[in-house]
Amino acid sequence: IRVNTVCPTFVVTPMTKEFLKSKKFKREVLGNIPLGRLAELSDIATATVFLASDAALMNTGNSLLVDGGWNAK
């Protein structure tokens, strides 16, 4: 049994669009993401597919950060 997590930054979704309408909030969020962009659903899906694939057979107990560098700051 393999157990991993995907840890995203802010992702553009219908639920986050209301928060991201605030220019101040969006500016603060983007200021914490070195890549300078919000995650898209495809970014999270790609990471999830990787962890579910044979390419990640030796990965277990890991957290895959999909945060544009937020935690690296």
C-alpha atoms as a PDB file:
ATOM      1  CA  ILE A   1       0.000   0.000   0.000  1.00  0.00           C
ATOM      2  CA  ARG A   2       1.368   3.392  -0.993  1.00  0.00           C
ATOM      3  CA  VAL A   3       0.186   6.554   0.714  1.00  0.00           C
ATOM      4  CA  ASN A   4       1.109   9.976  -0.672  1.00  0.00           C
ATOM      5  CA  THR A   5      -0.435  13.409  -0.606  1.00  0.00           C
ATOM      6  CA  VAL A   6      -0.692  16.238  -3.094  1.00  0.00           C
ATOM      7  CA  CYS A   7      -0.276  19.613  -1.395  1.00  0.00           C
ATOM      8  CA  PRO A   8      -1.379  22.429  -3.675  1.00  0.00           C
ATOM      9  CA  THR A   9      -1.208  26.178  -3.402  1.00  0.00           C
ATOM     10  CA  PHE A  10      -4.284  28.207  -4.279  1.00  0.00           C
ATOM     11  CA  VAL A  11      -6.047  26.570  -7.215  1.00  0.00           C
ATOM     12  CA  VAL A  12      -8.365  28.407  -9.582  1.00  0.00           C
ATOM     13  CA  THR A  13     -11.761  26.768  -9.026  1.00  0.00           C
ATOM     14  CA  PRO A  14     -15.351  27.972  -8.802  1.00  0.00           C
ATOM     15  CA  MET A  15     -14.938  28.002  -5.002  1.00  0.00           C
ATOM     16  CA  THR A  16     -11.814  30.204  -5.007  1.00  0.00           C
ATOM     17  CA  LYS A  17     -12.950  32.643  -7.704  1.00  0.00           C
ATOM     18  CA  GLU A  18     -14.867  34.741  -5.156  1.00  0.00           C
ATOM     19  CA  PHE A  19     -11.779  35.158  -2.968  1.00  0.00           C
ATOM     20  CA  LEU A  20      -9.580  35.892  -5.947  1.00  0.00           C
ATOM     21  CA  LYS A  21     -11.852  38.720  -7.082  1.00  0.00           C
ATOM     22  CA  SER A  22     -10.231  40.777  -4.327  1.00  0.00           C
ATOM     23  CA  LYS A  23      -7.190  42.411  -5.940  1.00  0.00           C
ATOM     24  CA  LYS A  24      -5.518  42.789  -2.555  1.00  0.00           C
ATOM     25  CA  PHE A  25      -5.985  39.128  -1.646  1.00  0.00           C
ATOM     26  CA  LYS A  26      -4.840  37.928  -5.065  1.00  0.00           C
ATOM     27  CA  ARG A  27      -1.765  40.190  -4.933  1.00  0.00           C
ATOM     28  CA  GLU A  28      -0.831  38.819  -1.482  1.00  0.00           C
ATOM     29  CA  VAL A  29      -1.263  35.225  -2.628  1.00  0.00           C
ATOM     30  CA  LEU A  30       0.756  35.724  -5.806  1.00  0.00           C
ATOM     31  CA  GLY A  31       3.427  37.490  -3.736  1.00  0.00           C
ATOM     32  CA  ASN A  32       3.979  34.172  -1.925  1.00  0.00           C
ATOM     33  CA  ILE A  33       4.245  32.062  -5.078  1.00  0.00           C
ATOM     34  CA  PRO A  34       7.685  32.479  -6.682  1.00  0.00           C
ATOM     35  CA  LEU A  35       6.428  31.151 -10.029  1.00  0.00           C
ATOM     36  CA  GLY A  36       3.951  34.044  -9.997  1.00  0.00           C
ATOM     37  CA  ARG A  37       0.797  32.182 -10.932  1.00  0.00           C
ATOM     38  CA  LEU A  38      -2.053  30.302  -9.347  1.00  0.00           C
ATOM     39  CA  ALA A  39      -2.402  26.575  -9.860  1.00  0.00           C
ATOM     40  CA  GLU A  40      -4.887  25.250 -12.379  1.00  0.00           C
ATOM     41  CA  LEU A  41      -6.848  22.029 -11.966  1.00  0.00           C
ATOM     42  CA  SER A  42      -4.609  20.428 -14.590  1.00  0.00           C
ATOM     43  CA  ASP A  43      -1.558  21.068 -12.374  1.00  0.00           C
ATOM     44  CA  ILE A  44      -3.140  19.074  -9.552  1.00  0.00           C
ATOM     45  CA  ALA A  45      -4.447  16.363 -11.890  1.00  0.00           C
ATOM     46  CA  THR A  46      -1.004  15.866 -13.414  1.00  0.00           C
ATOM     47  CA  ALA A  47       0.591  15.427  -9.993  1.00  0.00           C
ATOM     48  CA  THR A  48      -2.131  12.982  -8.957  1.00  0.00           C
ATOM     49  CA  VAL A  49      -1.763  10.933 -12.140  1.00  0.00           C
ATOM     50  CA  PHE A  50       1.994  10.784 -11.572  1.00  0.00           C
ATOM     51  CA  LEU A  51       1.566   9.459  -8.026  1.00  0.00           C
ATOM     52  CA  ALA A  52      -0.949   6.861  -9.234  1.00  0.00           C
ATOM     53  CA  SER A  53       1.309   5.695 -12.072  1.00  0.00           C
ATOM     54  CA  ASP A  54       4.102   3.155 -12.262  1.00  0.00           C
ATOM     55  CA  ALA A  55       6.514   6.097 -12.506  1.00  0.00           C
ATOM     56  CA  ALA A  56       5.970   6.608  -8.772  1.00  0.00           C
ATOM     57  CA  LEU A  57       6.226   2.990  -7.616  1.00  0.00           C
ATOM     58  CA  MET A  58       8.982   3.834  -5.118  1.00  0.00           C
ATOM     59  CA  ASN A  59       7.135   6.832  -3.676  1.00  0.00           C
ATOM     60  CA  THR A  60       5.296   6.311  -0.429  1.00  0.00           C
ATOM     61  CA  GLY A  61       4.854   8.453   2.624  1.00  0.00           C
ATOM     62  CA  ASN A  62       5.595  11.571   0.590  1.00  0.00           C
ATOM     63  CA  SER A  63       3.935  14.909   0.135  1.00  0.00           C
ATOM     64  CA  LEU A  64       4.164  16.253  -3.405  1.00  0.00           C
ATOM     65  CA  LEU A  65       4.163  20.033  -3.187  1.00  0.00           C
ATOM     66  CA  VAL A  66       2.370  21.662  -6.102  1.00  0.00           C
ATOM     67  CA  ASP A  67       2.767  25.174  -4.766  1.00  0.00           C
ATOM     68  CA  GLY A  68       4.832  27.106  -7.265  1.00  0.00           C
ATOM     69  CA  GLY A  69       7.664  27.376  -4.748  1.00  0.00           C
ATOM     70  CA  TRP A  70       5.655  28.784  -1.818  1.00  0.00           C
ATOM     71  CA  ASN A  71       7.316  26.405   0.696  1.00  0.00           C
ATOM     72  CA  ALA A  72      10.762  26.990  -0.775  1.00  0.00           C
ATOM     73  CA  LYS A  73      10.678  30.662   0.199  1.00  0.00           C
END
